[in-house]
Amino acid sequence: MTRARIRHVNHTITTHPDTVTYGADCLGCSWKIKGKSEPDSVLDACMQHAGISGHREFRTICQGLSYVLRSGER
């Protein structure tokens, strides 16, 4: 007969900083910007597009690769 021991292990989720990219979509037309590493460059592009087109609503996107880690791992 075998016995199993079950124990609770704390986990956290973390995003790898080198994989984060930013983007935005205009909700008034098909304009898009994506694949930027700095969020400020995306916001600047949205403001430029708003100034040219008059569109004021954008969906912003932040995308990255995340990992679930047990306590003590890095």
C-alpha atoms as a PDB file:
ATOM      1  CA  MET A   1       0.000   0.000   0.000  1.00  0.00           C
ATOM      2  CA  THR A   2       1.300   3.457  -0.886  1.00  0.00           C
ATOM      3  CA  ARG A   3       0.515   6.678   0.860  1.00  0.00           C
ATOM      4  CA  ALA A   4       0.342  10.135  -0.633  1.00  0.00           C
ATOM      5  CA  ARG A   5       1.162  13.297   1.226  1.00  0.00           C
ATOM      6  CA  ILE A   6      -0.629  16.419   0.051  1.00  0.00           C
ATOM      7  CA  ARG A   7       0.707  19.799   1.079  1.00  0.00           C
ATOM      8  CA  HIS A   8      -0.192  23.357   0.254  1.00  0.00           C
ATOM      9  CA  VAL A   9       2.382  25.296  -1.781  1.00  0.00           C
ATOM     10  CA  ASN A  10       2.002  29.032  -2.382  1.00  0.00           C
ATOM     11  CA  HIS A  11       2.071  30.141  -6.015  1.00  0.00           C
ATOM     12  CA  THR A  12       2.438  33.531  -7.658  1.00  0.00           C
ATOM     13  CA  ILE A  13       2.068  34.704 -11.242  1.00  0.00           C
ATOM     14  CA  THR A  14       4.612  37.032 -12.800  1.00  0.00           C
ATOM     15  CA  THR A  15       5.050  38.597 -16.230  1.00  0.00           C
ATOM     16  CA  HIS A  16       8.434  38.342 -17.930  1.00  0.00           C
ATOM     17  CA  PRO A  17       9.433  41.993 -18.549  1.00  0.00           C
ATOM     18  CA  ASP A  18      11.181  41.304 -21.875  1.00  0.00           C
ATOM     19  CA  THR A  19       7.962  39.976 -23.440  1.00  0.00           C
ATOM     20  CA  VAL A  20       5.619  42.912 -22.731  1.00  0.00           C
ATOM     21  CA  THR A  21       4.306  44.795 -25.773  1.00  0.00           C
ATOM     22  CA  TYR A  22       1.752  47.581 -26.026  1.00  0.00           C
ATOM     23  CA  GLY A  23      -0.765  48.531 -28.670  1.00  0.00           C
ATOM     24  CA  ALA A  24      -4.047  50.317 -29.327  1.00  0.00           C
ATOM     25  CA  ASP A  25      -7.061  50.148 -31.635  1.00  0.00           C
ATOM     26  CA  CYS A  26      -9.209  53.112 -32.628  1.00  0.00           C
ATOM     27  CA  LEU A  27     -12.881  52.459 -31.907  1.00  0.00           C
ATOM     28  CA  GLY A  28     -13.929  54.908 -34.636  1.00  0.00           C
ATOM     29  CA  CYS A  29     -12.079  53.292 -37.562  1.00  0.00           C
ATOM     30  CA  SER A  30      -9.682  50.478 -38.389  1.00  0.00           C
ATOM     31  CA  TRP A  31      -6.526  52.339 -37.264  1.00  0.00           C
ATOM     32  CA  LYS A  32      -4.177  50.204 -35.099  1.00  0.00           C
ATOM     33  CA  ILE A  33      -0.770  50.363 -33.554  1.00  0.00           C
ATOM     34  CA  LYS A  34       0.895  47.338 -31.962  1.00  0.00           C
ATOM     35  CA  GLY A  35       4.185  45.765 -31.003  1.00  0.00           C
ATOM     36  CA  LYS A  36       5.633  48.767 -29.167  1.00  0.00           C
ATOM     37  CA  SER A  37       7.837  48.277 -26.110  1.00  0.00           C
ATOM     38  CA  GLU A  38       6.974  51.635 -24.503  1.00  0.00           C
ATOM     39  CA  PRO A  39       3.398  52.522 -23.480  1.00  0.00           C
ATOM     40  CA  ASP A  40       4.053  56.245 -23.934  1.00  0.00           C
ATOM     41  CA  SER A  41       4.807  55.797 -27.652  1.00  0.00           C
ATOM     42  CA  VAL A  42       1.394  54.144 -28.086  1.00  0.00           C
ATOM     43  CA  LEU A  43      -0.377  56.943 -26.235  1.00  0.00           C
ATOM     44  CA  ASP A  44       1.453  59.556 -28.330  1.00  0.00           C
ATOM     45  CA  ALA A  45       0.375  57.778 -31.526  1.00  0.00           C
ATOM     46  CA  CYS A  46      -3.241  57.717 -30.267  1.00  0.00           C
ATOM     47  CA  MET A  47      -3.118  61.457 -29.601  1.00  0.00           C
ATOM     48  CA  GLN A  48      -1.720  62.103 -33.091  1.00  0.00           C
ATOM     49  CA  HIS A  49      -4.458  59.965 -34.648  1.00  0.00           C
ATOM     50  CA  ALA A  50      -7.097  61.783 -32.566  1.00  0.00           C
ATOM     51  CA  GLY A  51      -5.780  65.140 -33.759  1.00  0.00           C
ATOM     52  CA  ILE A  52      -5.946  64.096 -37.429  1.00  0.00           C
ATOM     53  CA  SER A  53      -9.182  62.094 -37.422  1.00  0.00           C
ATOM     54  CA  GLY A  54     -11.163  63.562 -34.540  1.00  0.00           C
ATOM     55  CA  HIS A  55     -11.651  60.091 -33.074  1.00  0.00           C
ATOM     56  CA  ARG A  56     -11.465  60.067 -29.286  1.00  0.00           C
ATOM     57  CA  GLU A  57     -11.944  56.456 -28.163  1.00  0.00           C
ATOM     58  CA  PHE A  58      -9.188  53.857 -28.174  1.00  0.00           C
ATOM     59  CA  ARG A  59      -8.791  50.360 -26.764  1.00  0.00           C
ATOM     60  CA  THR A  60      -5.326  49.960 -25.293  1.00  0.00           C
ATOM     61  CA  ILE A  61      -3.620  46.576 -25.176  1.00  0.00           C
ATOM     62  CA  CYS A  62      -0.819  45.282 -22.948  1.00  0.00           C
ATOM     63  CA  GLN A  63       0.375  41.793 -23.807  1.00  0.00           C
ATOM     64  CA  GLY A  64       3.107  39.639 -22.308  1.00  0.00           C
ATOM     65  CA  LEU A  65       4.197  36.173 -21.330  1.00  0.00           C
ATOM     66  CA  SER A  66       3.377  35.177 -17.746  1.00  0.00           C
ATOM     67  CA  TYR A  67       4.604  32.325 -15.586  1.00  0.00           C
ATOM     68  CA  VAL A  68       3.120  30.645 -12.517  1.00  0.00           C
ATOM     69  CA  LEU A  69       5.846  30.015  -9.959  1.00  0.00           C
ATOM     70  CA  ARG A  70       5.945  28.063  -6.734  1.00  0.00           C
ATOM     71  CA  SER A  71       7.203  29.947  -3.698  1.00  0.00           C
ATOM     72  CA  GLY A  72      10.971  30.075  -3.698  1.00  0.00           C
ATOM     73  CA  GLU A  73      11.398  29.700  -7.500  1.00  0.00           C
ATOM     74  CA  ARG A  74      12.647  32.518  -9.744  1.00  0.00           C
END
